[in-house]
C-alpha atoms as a PDB file:
ATOM      1  CA  MET A   1     133.412  82.385  67.737  1.00  0.00           C
ATOM      2  CA  PRO A   2     130.027  81.254  66.703  1.00  0.00           C
ATOM      3  CA  GLU A   3     127.098  82.606  68.861  1.00  0.00           C
ATOM      4  CA  ALA A   4     125.225  80.185  70.902  1.00  0.00           C
ATOM      5  CA  ALA A   5     121.521  79.837  69.776  1.00  0.00           C
ATOM      6  CA  ALA A   6     118.600  79.010  72.115  1.00  0.00           C
ATOM      7  CA  PHE A   7     115.357  77.334  71.719  1.00  0.00           C
ATOM      8  CA  LEU A   8     112.063  77.075  73.326  1.00  0.00           C
ATOM      9  CA  ASN A   9     111.434  73.281  72.930  1.00  0.00           C
ATOM     10  CA  ALA A  10     108.440  72.625  74.947  1.00  0.00           C
ATOM     11  CA  ILE A  11     105.762  74.369  77.100  1.00  0.00           C
ATOM     12  CA  GLY A  12     104.228  73.182  79.874  1.00  0.00           C
ATOM     13  CA  THR A  13     100.949  74.996  81.545  1.00  0.00           C
ATOM     14  CA  ALA A  14      98.614  74.444  84.509  1.00  0.00           C
ATOM     15  CA  VAL A  15      95.929  76.331  85.847  1.00  0.00           C
ATOM     16  CA  PRO A  16      93.181  75.923  88.375  1.00  0.00           C
ATOM     17  CA  ASP A  17      89.718  74.771  87.372  1.00  0.00           C
ATOM     18  CA  HIS A  18      87.693  77.696  89.236  1.00  0.00           C
ATOM     19  CA  ASP A  19      86.791  80.615  86.996  1.00  0.00           C
ATOM     20  CA  ILE A  20      86.209  83.328  89.187  1.00  0.00           C
ATOM     21  CA  HIS A  21      85.925  86.559  86.846  1.00  0.00           C
ATOM     22  CA  HIS A  22      82.937  87.448  86.577  1.00  0.00           C
ATOM     23  CA  ALA A  23      81.951  86.554  90.276  1.00  0.00           C
ATOM     24  CA  PHE A  24      84.983  88.977  91.055  1.00  0.00           C
ATOM     25  CA  ILE A  25      83.793  91.912  88.851  1.00  0.00           C
ATOM     26  CA  ALA A  26      80.586  91.983  90.197  1.00  0.00           C
ATOM     27  CA  TRP A  27      81.979  91.527  93.763  1.00  0.00           C
ATOM     28  CA  ALA A  28      84.441  94.709  93.084  1.00  0.00           C
ATOM     29  CA  GLN A  29      81.758  96.884  91.228  1.00  0.00           C
ATOM     30  CA  ASP A  30      79.409  96.789  94.391  1.00  0.00           C
ATOM     31  CA  ARG A  31      81.910  97.939  96.626  1.00  0.00           C
ATOM     32  CA  ILE A  32      82.241 101.424  94.699  1.00  0.00           C
ATOM     33  CA  GLU A  33      80.219 103.615  96.293  1.00  0.00           C
ATOM     34  CA  ASP A  34      80.785 106.653  93.592  1.00  0.00           C
ATOM     35  CA  GLY A  35      78.391 105.986  90.684  1.00  0.00           C
ATOM     36  CA  ARG A  36      81.036 107.637  88.004  1.00  0.00           C
ATOM     37  CA  SER A  37      83.756 105.556  89.469  1.00  0.00           C
ATOM     38  CA  ALA A  38      81.516 102.237  89.287  1.00  0.00           C
ATOM     39  CA  ARG A  39      80.732 103.456  85.543  1.00  0.00           C
ATOM     40  CA  LEU A  40      84.450 103.749  84.884  1.00  0.00           C
ATOM     41  CA  PHE A  41      85.490 100.545  86.560  1.00  0.00           C
ATOM     42  CA  ALA A  42      82.493  98.884  84.208  1.00  0.00           C
ATOM     43  CA  ARG A  43      84.154 100.372  81.020  1.00  0.00           C
ATOM     44  CA  MET A  44      87.765  99.297  82.083  1.00  0.00           C
ATOM     45  CA  ALA A  45      86.612  95.757  82.792  1.00  0.00           C
ATOM     46  CA  ALA A  46      84.704  95.594  79.203  1.00  0.00           C
ATOM     47  CA  ARG A  47      87.674  96.769  77.542  1.00  0.00           C
ATOM     48  CA  SER A  48      90.581  94.901  79.474  1.00  0.00           C
ATOM     49  CA  GLY A  49      90.054  92.049  77.434  1.00  0.00           C
ATOM     50  CA  ILE A  50      90.233  89.591  80.351  1.00  0.00           C
ATOM     51  CA  ASP A  51      87.842  86.279  79.503  1.00  0.00           C
ATOM     52  CA  HIS A  52      88.793  84.277  82.794  1.00  0.00           C
ATOM     53  CA  ARG A  53      90.151  84.730  85.641  1.00  0.00           C
ATOM     54  CA  TRP A  54      91.514  81.324  87.347  1.00  0.00           C
ATOM     55  CA  SER A  55      91.981  80.815  91.324  1.00  0.00           C
ATOM     56  CA  VAL A  56      92.848  78.007  93.514  1.00  0.00           C
ATOM     57  CA  LEU A  57      90.625  79.355  96.160  1.00  0.00           C
ATOM     58  CA  ASP A  58      87.860  76.775  96.990  1.00  0.00           C
ATOM     59  CA  ARG A  59      84.183  76.703  95.999  1.00  0.00           C
ATOM     60  CA  THR A  60      82.014  77.073  98.588  1.00  0.00           C
ATOM     61  CA  SER A  61      79.642  74.217  99.312  1.00  0.00           C
ATOM     62  CA  ASN A  62      77.005  75.611  97.273  1.00  0.00           C
ATOM     63  CA  GLY A  63      79.633  76.019  94.740  1.00  0.00           C
ATOM     64  CA  GLY A  64      79.847  79.647  95.319  1.00  0.00           C
ATOM     65  CA  SER A  65      83.179  81.715  94.294  1.00  0.00           C
ATOM     66  CA  PRO A  66      85.332  83.295  97.013  1.00  0.00           C
ATOM     67  CA  VAL A  67      83.689  86.305  97.566  1.00  0.00           C
ATOM     68  CA  SER A  68      80.158  84.645  97.797  1.00  0.00           C
ATOM     69  CA  ALA A  69      78.444  83.757 101.308  1.00  0.00           C
ATOM     70  CA  GLU A  70      81.260  81.137 102.946  1.00  0.00           C
ATOM     71  CA  GLY A  71      83.773  82.167 100.808  1.00  0.00           C
ATOM     72  CA  PHE A  72      87.402  83.243 101.571  1.00  0.00           C
ATOM     73  CA  TYR A  73      86.759  86.817 100.877  1.00  0.00           C
ATOM     74  CA  ALA A  74      83.013  86.768 102.396  1.00  0.00           C
ATOM     75  CA  GLN A  75      83.926  87.747 105.819  1.00  0.00           C
ATOM     76  CA  ALA A  76      85.166  91.538 107.339  1.00  0.00           C
ATOM     77  CA  PRO A  77      88.265  91.942 107.350  1.00  0.00           C
ATOM     78  CA  LEU A  78      89.475  90.869 104.426  1.00  0.00           C
ATOM     79  CA  PRO A  79      92.173  87.849 105.347  1.00  0.00           C
ATOM     80  CA  GLY A  80      95.284  89.157 105.833  1.00  0.00           C
ATOM     81  CA  THR A  81      98.955  88.457 104.505  1.00  0.00           C
ATOM     82  CA  GLY A  82      99.667  85.525 106.536  1.00  0.00           C
ATOM     83  CA  ALA A  83      96.108  83.982 105.614  1.00  0.00           C
ATOM     84  CA  ARG A  84      96.945  83.985 101.957  1.00  0.00           C
ATOM     85  CA  MET A  85     100.691  83.122 102.114  1.00  0.00           C
ATOM     86  CA  THR A  86      99.439  79.939 104.072  1.00  0.00           C
ATOM     87  CA  LEU A  87      97.193  79.256 101.226  1.00  0.00           C
ATOM     88  CA  TYR A  88     100.223  80.120  98.575  1.00  0.00           C
ATOM     89  CA  ALA A  89     102.783  77.497 100.591  1.00  0.00           C
ATOM     90  CA  GLU A  90     100.134  74.864 100.253  1.00  0.00           C
ATOM     91  CA  THR A  91      98.930  75.579  96.393  1.00  0.00           C
ATOM     92  CA  ALA A  92     101.667  77.011  94.487  1.00  0.00           C
ATOM     93  CA  PRO A  93     103.919  73.930  94.466  1.00  0.00           C
ATOM     94  CA  ALA A  94     101.325  71.906  93.763  1.00  0.00           C
ATOM     95  CA  LEU A  95     100.525  74.067  90.581  1.00  0.00           C
ATOM     96  CA  GLY A  96     103.726  74.105  89.735  1.00  0.00           C
ATOM     97  CA  ILE A  97     104.658  70.553  89.622  1.00  0.00           C
ATOM     98  CA  THR A  98     101.363  70.356  87.669  1.00  0.00           C
ATOM     99  CA  ALA A  99     103.069  72.247  84.674  1.00  0.00           C
ATOM    100  CA  ILE A 100     106.181  70.622  84.857  1.00  0.00           C
ATOM    101  CA  GLU A 101     104.300  67.113  84.703  1.00  0.00           C
ATOM    102  CA  ALA A 102     102.684  68.328  81.385  1.00  0.00           C
ATOM    103  CA  LEU A 103     106.330  69.210  79.998  1.00  0.00           C
ATOM    104  CA  ALA A 104     107.582  66.122  81.026  1.00  0.00           C
ATOM    105  CA  ALA A 105     104.619  64.193  78.892  1.00  0.00           C
ATOM    106  CA  GLN A 106     106.607  66.085  75.852  1.00  0.00           C
ATOM    107  CA  LEU A 107     110.379  66.080  76.533  1.00  0.00           C
ATOM    108  CA  PRO A 108     112.725  64.193  79.073  1.00  0.00           C
ATOM    109  CA  ILE A 109     113.498  66.760  81.971  1.00  0.00           C
ATOM    110  CA  HIS A 110     116.480  64.199  83.657  1.00  0.00           C
ATOM    111  CA  GLY A 111     119.113  67.027  81.591  1.00  0.00           C
ATOM    112  CA  ILE A 112     117.799  70.156  83.136  1.00  0.00           C
ATOM    113  CA  THR A 113     120.611  72.126  84.565  1.00  0.00           C
ATOM    114  CA  HIS A 114     119.187  75.475  85.221  1.00  0.00           C
ATOM    115  CA  PHE A 115     115.672  76.140  87.262  1.00  0.00           C
ATOM    116  CA  VAL A 116     114.154  79.311  87.227  1.00  0.00           C
ATOM    117  CA  VAL A 117     111.040  80.389  88.946  1.00  0.00           C
ATOM    118  CA  ALA A 118     108.821  83.402  88.633  1.00  0.00           C
ATOM    119  CA  SER A 119     106.429  84.416  91.912  1.00  0.00           C
ATOM    120  CA  CYS A 120     104.522  87.437  91.684  1.00  0.00           C
ATOM    121  CA  THR A 121     101.958  86.873  94.277  1.00  0.00           C
ATOM    122  CA  GLY A 122     103.729  85.490  97.228  1.00  0.00           C
ATOM    123  CA  PHE A 123     106.589  83.924  98.924  1.00  0.00           C
ATOM    124  CA  VAL A 124     107.192  80.413 101.492  1.00  0.00           C
ATOM    125  CA  ALA A 125     110.038  79.327 103.137  1.00  0.00           C
ATOM    126  CA  PRO A 126     112.692  77.646 102.021  1.00  0.00           C
ATOM    127  CA  GLY A 127     111.483  78.911  98.791  1.00  0.00           C
ATOM    128  CA  ILE A 128     109.234  77.300  96.288  1.00  0.00           C
ATOM    129  CA  ASP A 129     112.140  76.714  93.853  1.00  0.00           C
ATOM    130  CA  GLN A 130     113.810  74.280  96.409  1.00  0.00           C
ATOM    131  CA  ILE A 131     110.120  72.703  97.183  1.00  0.00           C
ATOM    132  CA  ILE A 132     109.497  71.944  93.746  1.00  0.00           C
ATOM    133  CA  ALA A 133     113.193  70.918  93.144  1.00  0.00           C
ATOM    134  CA  ARG A 134     112.915  68.482  95.869  1.00  0.00           C
ATOM    135  CA  ARG A 135     109.612  66.872  94.780  1.00  0.00           C
ATOM    136  CA  ILE A 136     110.470  66.383  91.443  1.00  0.00           C
ATOM    137  CA  GLY A 137     113.668  64.907  92.190  1.00  0.00           C
ATOM    138  CA  LEU A 138     116.152  67.657  90.726  1.00  0.00           C
ATOM    139  CA  SER A 139     119.938  67.339  91.193  1.00  0.00           C
ATOM    140  CA  PRO A 140     121.426  69.635  93.989  1.00  0.00           C
ATOM    141  CA  SER A 141     123.865  70.533  91.112  1.00  0.00           C
ATOM    142  CA  VAL A 142     121.331  72.599  89.072  1.00  0.00           C
ATOM    143  CA  GLU A 143     121.200  76.120  89.066  1.00  0.00           C
ATOM    144  CA  ARG A 144     118.259  77.643  90.652  1.00  0.00           C
ATOM    145  CA  LEU A 145     116.923  80.656  90.722  1.00  0.00           C
ATOM    146  CA  LEU A 146     113.823  82.622  92.229  1.00  0.00           C
ATOM    147  CA  ILE A 147     112.423  85.649  90.896  1.00  0.00           C
ATOM    148  CA  GLY A 148     109.933  87.116  92.672  1.00  0.00           C
ATOM    149  CA  LEU A 149     110.737  90.743  94.345  1.00  0.00           C
ATOM    150  CA  PRO A 150     108.622  93.017  92.690  1.00  0.00           C
ATOM    151  CA  GLY A 151     109.982  95.416  90.718  1.00  0.00           C
ATOM    152  CA  GLY A 152     113.221  93.168  89.392  1.00  0.00           C
ATOM    153  CA  ALA A 153     116.780  94.347  90.076  1.00  0.00           C
ATOM    154  CA  LEU A 154     115.326  98.039  90.766  1.00  0.00           C
ATOM    155  CA  GLY A 155     112.943  96.512  93.320  1.00  0.00           C
ATOM    156  CA  PHE A 156     115.818  94.492  94.882  1.00  0.00           C
ATOM    157  CA  LEU A 157     118.105  97.398  94.966  1.00  0.00           C
ATOM    158  CA  ILE A 158     115.793  99.447  96.637  1.00  0.00           C
ATOM    159  CA  VAL A 159     114.717  96.674  99.215  1.00  0.00           C
ATOM    160  CA  VAL A 160     118.820  96.498 100.021  1.00  0.00           C
ATOM    161  CA  ASN A 161     119.781  99.937 100.274  1.00  0.00           C
ATOM    162  CA  ILE A 162     117.046 100.542 102.898  1.00  0.00           C
ATOM    163  CA  LEU A 163     117.792  97.372 104.707  1.00  0.00           C
ATOM    164  CA  ILE A 164     121.219  98.567 104.485  1.00  0.00           C
ATOM    165  CA  PHE A 165     120.248 101.850 105.920  1.00  0.00           C
ATOM    166  CA  LEU A 166     118.273 100.807 108.630  1.00  0.00           C
ATOM    167  CA  LEU A 167     120.928  98.268 109.761  1.00  0.00           C
ATOM    168  CA  ALA A 168     123.533 101.275 109.884  1.00  0.00           C
ATOM    169  CA  PHE A 169     121.670 102.757 112.829  1.00  0.00           C
ATOM    170  CA  PHE A 170     122.964  99.334 114.737  1.00  0.00           C
ATOM    171  CA  LEU A 171     125.781  98.113 113.089  1.00  0.00           C
ATOM    172  CA  ASP A 172     129.007  99.377 112.748  1.00  0.00           C
ATOM    173  CA  TYR A 173     130.643  99.729 108.630  1.00  0.00           C
ATOM    174  CA  PHE A 174     132.419  96.552 108.824  1.00  0.00           C
ATOM    175  CA  GLU A 175     130.315  94.383 110.682  1.00  0.00           C
ATOM    176  CA  ILE A 176     127.413  95.586 107.730  1.00  0.00           C
ATOM    177  CA  ALA A 177     130.241  94.427 105.044  1.00  0.00           C
ATOM    178  CA  PHE A 178     131.002  91.029 106.717  1.00  0.00           C
ATOM    179  CA  ILE A 179     127.304  89.927 107.346  1.00  0.00           C
ATOM    180  CA  MET A 180     125.107  91.173 104.779  1.00  0.00           C
ATOM    181  CA  VAL A 181     127.839  91.257 101.558  1.00  0.00           C
ATOM    182  CA  PRO A 182     127.902  87.849 101.205  1.00  0.00           C
ATOM    183  CA  LEU A 183     124.412  87.248 101.662  1.00  0.00           C
ATOM    184  CA  LEU A 184     123.755  89.546  98.911  1.00  0.00           C
ATOM    185  CA  ALA A 185     126.371  89.916  96.392  1.00  0.00           C
ATOM    186  CA  PRO A 186     125.363  86.207  94.693  1.00  0.00           C
ATOM    187  CA  VAL A 187     121.967  87.429  94.273  1.00  0.00           C
ATOM    188  CA  ALA A 188     123.238  90.733  92.787  1.00  0.00           C
ATOM    189  CA  GLN A 189     124.770  88.627  90.524  1.00  0.00           C
ATOM    190  CA  LYS A 190     122.313  86.250  89.799  1.00  0.00           C
ATOM    191  CA  LEU A 191     120.191  89.541  88.877  1.00  0.00           C
ATOM    192  CA  GLY A 192     122.721  90.591  86.602  1.00  0.00           C
ATOM    193  CA  ILE A 193     123.912  93.369  88.549  1.00  0.00           C
ATOM    194  CA  ASP A 194     127.717  94.784  87.764  1.00  0.00           C
ATOM    195  CA  LEU A 195     129.195  93.804  91.539  1.00  0.00           C
ATOM    196  CA  VAL A 196     131.679  96.396  91.490  1.00  0.00           C
ATOM    197  CA  TRP A 197     128.900  98.735  90.970  1.00  0.00           C
ATOM    198  CA  PHE A 198     126.867  97.197  93.681  1.00  0.00           C
ATOM    199  CA  GLY A 199     129.995  97.232  96.239  1.00  0.00           C
ATOM    200  CA  VAL A 200     130.476 100.715  95.672  1.00  0.00           C
ATOM    201  CA  LEU A 201     126.552 101.454  95.926  1.00  0.00           C
ATOM    202  CA  LEU A 202     126.538  99.585  99.145  1.00  0.00           C
ATOM    203  CA  ALA A 203     129.731 101.240 100.479  1.00  0.00           C
ATOM    204  CA  VAL A 204     128.126 104.756  99.745  1.00  0.00           C
ATOM    205  CA  ASN A 205     125.336 103.722 101.605  1.00  0.00           C
ATOM    206  CA  MET A 206     127.089 102.120 104.641  1.00  0.00           C
ATOM    207  CA  GLN A 207     128.908 105.503 105.021  1.00  0.00           C
ATOM    208  CA  THR A 208     126.013 106.810 106.870  1.00  0.00           C
ATOM    209  CA  SER A 209     126.798 104.318 109.736  1.00  0.00           C
ATOM    210  CA  PHE A 210     129.007 107.117 111.077  1.00  0.00           C
ATOM    211  CA  LEU A 211     126.467 109.759 110.878  1.00  0.00           C
ATOM    212  CA  HIS A 212     123.750 108.564 112.426  1.00  0.00           C
ATOM    213  CA  PRO A 213     122.408 107.925 116.286  1.00  0.00           C
ATOM    214  CA  PRO A 214     122.768 105.834 117.926  1.00  0.00           C
ATOM    215  CA  PHE A 215     126.253 104.644 117.374  1.00  0.00           C
ATOM    216  CA  GLY A 216     127.343 106.981 114.698  1.00  0.00           C
ATOM    217  CA  PHE A 217     131.400 107.200 115.222  1.00  0.00           C
ATOM    218  CA  ALA A 218     131.351 110.767 113.603  1.00  0.00           C
ATOM    219  CA  LEU A 219     128.922 112.002 116.122  1.00  0.00           C
ATOM    220  CA  PHE A 220     131.100 110.769 119.014  1.00  0.00           C
ATOM    221  CA  TYR A 221     133.877 112.052 117.792  1.00  0.00           C
ATOM    222  CA  LEU A 222     132.423 115.571 117.470  1.00  0.00           C
ATOM    223  CA  ARG A 223     131.142 115.254 120.788  1.00  0.00           C
ATOM    224  CA  SER A 224     134.827 114.371 122.617  1.00  0.00           C
ATOM    225  CA  VAL A 225     135.846 117.853 120.878  1.00  0.00           C
ATOM    226  CA  ALA A 226     132.768 120.136 120.912  1.00  0.00           C
ATOM    227  CA  PRO A 227     132.319 122.574 123.636  1.00  0.00           C
ATOM    228  CA  LYS A 228     129.944 121.549 126.595  1.00  0.00           C
ATOM    229  CA  SER A 229     127.652 124.658 125.279  1.00  0.00           C
ATOM    230  CA  ILE A 230     126.527 122.329 122.544  1.00  0.00           C
ATOM    231  CA  LYS A 231     124.284 119.868 123.117  1.00  0.00           C
ATOM    232  CA  THR A 232     124.800 116.258 122.189  1.00  0.00           C
ATOM    233  CA  MET A 233     120.834 116.533 120.572  1.00  0.00           C
ATOM    234  CA  ASP A 234     122.267 119.732 118.517  1.00  0.00           C
ATOM    235  CA  ILE A 235     124.887 117.112 116.926  1.00  0.00           C
ATOM    236  CA  TYR A 236     122.626 114.979 115.861  1.00  0.00           C
ATOM    237  CA  TRP A 237     120.532 117.297 114.696  1.00  0.00           C
ATOM    238  CA  GLY A 238     123.407 119.133 112.590  1.00  0.00           C
ATOM    239  CA  ALA A 239     124.548 115.615 110.986  1.00  0.00           C
ATOM    240  CA  VAL A 240     120.827 115.202 109.363  1.00  0.00           C
ATOM    241  CA  PRO A 241     121.886 117.390 105.933  1.00  0.00           C
ATOM    242  CA  PHE A 242     125.392 114.792 105.794  1.00  0.00           C
ATOM    243  CA  VAL A 243     123.224 111.485 105.800  1.00  0.00           C
ATOM    244  CA  ALA A 244     120.626 113.411 103.270  1.00  0.00           C
ATOM    245  CA  ILE A 245     123.786 113.830 100.776  1.00  0.00           C
ATOM    246  CA  GLN A 246     124.510 110.366 101.374  1.00  0.00           C
ATOM    247  CA  VAL A 247     121.254 109.223 100.491  1.00  0.00           C
ATOM    248  CA  LEU A 248     121.241 111.605  97.451  1.00  0.00           C
ATOM    249  CA  MET A 249     124.499 110.071  96.619  1.00  0.00           C
ATOM    250  CA  VAL A 250     122.975 106.349  96.796  1.00  0.00           C
ATOM    251  CA  ALA A 251     119.956 107.621  94.272  1.00  0.00           C
ATOM    252  CA  CYS A 252     122.319 109.184  91.760  1.00  0.00           C
ATOM    253  CA  ILE A 253     124.689 105.748  91.977  1.00  0.00           C
ATOM    254  CA  ILE A 254     121.200 103.881  91.143  1.00  0.00           C
ATOM    255  CA  ALA A 255     120.097 106.390  88.462  1.00  0.00           C
ATOM    256  CA  PHE A 256     123.655 107.109  86.678  1.00  0.00           C
ATOM    257  CA  PRO A 257     125.675 103.666  86.861  1.00  0.00           C
ATOM    258  CA  GLY A 258     127.895 105.456  84.801  1.00  0.00           C
ATOM    259  CA  PHE A 259     129.284 107.442  87.870  1.00  0.00           C
ATOM    260  CA  VAL A 260     130.942 104.438  89.259  1.00  0.00           C
ATOM    261  CA  THR A 261     131.451 101.889  85.714  1.00  0.00           C
ATOM    262  CA  GLY A 262     132.347 105.170  83.185  1.00  0.00           C
ATOM    263  CA  ASN A 263     136.454 104.476  84.170  1.00  0.00           C
ATOM    264  CA  ILE A 264     136.696 100.519  84.407  1.00  0.00           C
ATOM    265  CA  SER A 265     138.030  99.704  81.159  1.00  0.00           C
ATOM    266  CA  GLN A 266     140.821 102.466  81.350  1.00  0.00           C
ATOM    267  CA  ALA A 267     141.858 100.934  84.967  1.00  0.00           C
ATOM    268  CA  VAL A 268     141.919  97.590  83.071  1.00  0.00           C
ATOM    269  CA  ASP A 269     144.449  98.755  80.800  1.00  0.00           C
ATOM    270  CA  THR A 270     146.572 100.618  83.854  1.00  0.00           C
ATOM    271  CA  ILE A 271     146.654  97.798  85.972  1.00  0.00           C
ATOM    272  CA  LYS A 272     148.100  94.859  84.711  1.00  0.00           C
ATOM    273  CA  GLY A 273     148.538  91.242  86.353  1.00  0.00           C
ATOM    274  CA  SER A 274     147.091  89.835  89.364  1.00  0.00           C
ATOM    275  CA  GLY A 275     146.836  91.307  92.690  1.00  0.00           C
ATOM    276  CA  ALA A 276     149.990  89.807  93.823  1.00  0.00           C
ATOM    277  CA  ASP A 277     151.718  91.167  91.054  1.00  0.00           C
ATOM    278  CA  GLU A 278     150.691  94.693  91.858  1.00  0.00           C
ATOM    279  CA  LEU A 279     151.848  94.382  95.134  1.00  0.00           C
ATOM    280  CA  ARG A 280     155.325  92.879  94.306  1.00  0.00           C
ATOM    281  CA  ARG A 281     156.023  95.633  91.850  1.00  0.00           C
ATOM    282  CA  GLN A 282     155.325  97.990  94.948  1.00  0.00           C
ATOM    283  CA  ILE A 283     157.806  95.724  97.135  1.00  0.00           C
ATOM    284  CA  GLU A 284     160.475  95.629  94.562  1.00  0.00           C
ATOM    285  CA  THR A 285     159.959  99.775  93.954  1.00  0.00           C
ATOM    286  CA  GLU A 286     160.105 100.616  97.486  1.00  0.00           C
ATOM    287  CA  ARG A 287     163.372  98.199  98.013  1.00  0.00           C
ATOM    288  CA  ALA A 288     165.011  99.691  94.509  1.00  0.00           C
ATOM    289  CA  PRO A 289     167.866 102.115  95.309  1.00  0.00           C
ATOM    290  CA  PRO A 290     167.886 105.094  93.289  1.00  0.00           C
ATOM    291  CA  GLY A 291     168.311 104.522  89.777  1.00  0.00           C
ATOM    292  CA  ALA A 292     167.320 100.704  89.776  1.00  0.00           C
ATOM    293  CA  ALA A 293     164.345  99.768  88.179  1.00  0.00           C
ATOM    294  CA  PRO A 294     161.965  96.431  88.886  1.00  0.00           C
ATOM    295  CA  SER A 295     162.212  94.058  86.162  1.00  0.00           C
ATOM    296  CA  THR A 296     159.437  91.587  85.342  1.00  0.00           C
ATOM    297  CA  ASP A 297     160.610  89.046  87.103  1.00  0.00           C
ATOM    298  CA  GLY A 298     160.293  90.235  90.383  1.00  0.00           C
ATOM    299  CA  LYS A 299     164.506  91.448  91.005  1.00  0.00           C
ATOM    300  CA  THR A 300     165.805  94.880  91.280  1.00  0.00           C
ATOM    301  CA  THR A 301     168.721  95.984  88.478  1.00  0.00           C
ATOM    302  CA  GLY A 302     171.811  97.719  90.156  1.00  0.00           C
ATOM    303  CA  GLY A 303     172.381  98.557  93.519  1.00  0.00           C
ATOM    304  CA  ALA A 304     172.810  96.257  96.536  1.00  0.00           C
ATOM    305  CA  PRO A 305     170.549  94.027  98.231  1.00  0.00           C
ATOM    306  CA  LYS A 306     169.415  95.383 101.714  1.00  0.00           C
ATOM    307  CA  PRO A 307     169.120  93.449 104.897  1.00  0.00           C
ATOM    308  CA  GLU A 308     165.524  91.313 105.527  1.00  0.00           C
ATOM    309  CA  ASP A 309     163.037  93.728 106.801  1.00  0.00           C
ATOM    310  CA  ALA A 310     158.963  93.280 106.833  1.00  0.00           C
ATOM    311  CA  GLY A 311     158.711  93.694 103.086  1.00  0.00           C
ATOM    312  CA  SER A 312     161.335  91.012 102.000  1.00  0.00           C
ATOM    313  CA  GLU A 313     159.456  88.344 104.267  1.00  0.00           C
ATOM    314  CA  LEU A 314     156.532  89.531 102.629  1.00  0.00           C
ATOM    315  CA  GLU A 315     158.185  89.113  99.153  1.00  0.00           C
ATOM    316  CA  ARG A 316     159.506  85.618 100.299  1.00  0.00           C
ATOM    317  CA  LEU A 317     155.828  84.203 101.263  1.00  0.00           C
ATOM    318  CA  LEU A 318     154.634  85.510  97.919  1.00  0.00           C
ATOM    319  CA  LYS A 319     157.242  83.499  95.983  1.00  0.00           C
ATOM    320  CA  GLN A 320     156.697  80.232  97.852  1.00  0.00           C
END
């Protein structure tokens, strides 16, 4: 089968018209009190090769930069995340659409099938990819992907595992599996993460839900059989090393994926057919009399048929 080739047919770009590079360098330089550090910063800025730093921040009334009087960063304390994300929500989609319009001037974009948005400065609900897709009239069938989490796939895994670990303090293993896994698995798949490996990683992490308070079932079981002389707090502290082992295993699985995926190719050669085929084979093996073997068509060879039981009913349902 010939390999598919991909080509870069056109590029559309857009940048704001406000160059704040030199103003930013001067502003940062003045904030460094140590003389040696200030000289080091000056050398780094000179050797960086950066000549322009474009910004969506408005000019002041007298044409000044965001770090000058009346500018966005003029007042102390500096603007927080909320103020910066509000500005991002107002300006990022418009800048992206400007770049797409430049692209549309070169090639028709009505045949787009995949739309990838990368953002490293902020996030906005319901997502900059969805906002831009709606504004330029992309079909709902277009495959969208938003890449914005710092660190890419590794950053996603770190954030997800921290989230699962914290949820395990208050939710049971099965509750986390039924609520969070359907939300996280599609994102992991889009990032190119092996879903079998990802499932094992989450399972190892979720095992901590049995071990730490306030709802760790293993702690409750131990409390029910432990002597009254052992305090509940002692049980909690005693579980800490085992929680640390689970966290260490999560780190090992991330660092060494082969722990999980090393033998998958061998399993494919061992288990053949669908899950229903394997279940039918096991049922036939249990029902077959001594000396009889299940055939490939699901019928046993030799021996008299047994009366209907739960296995027979399940087999009948599988054949329907």
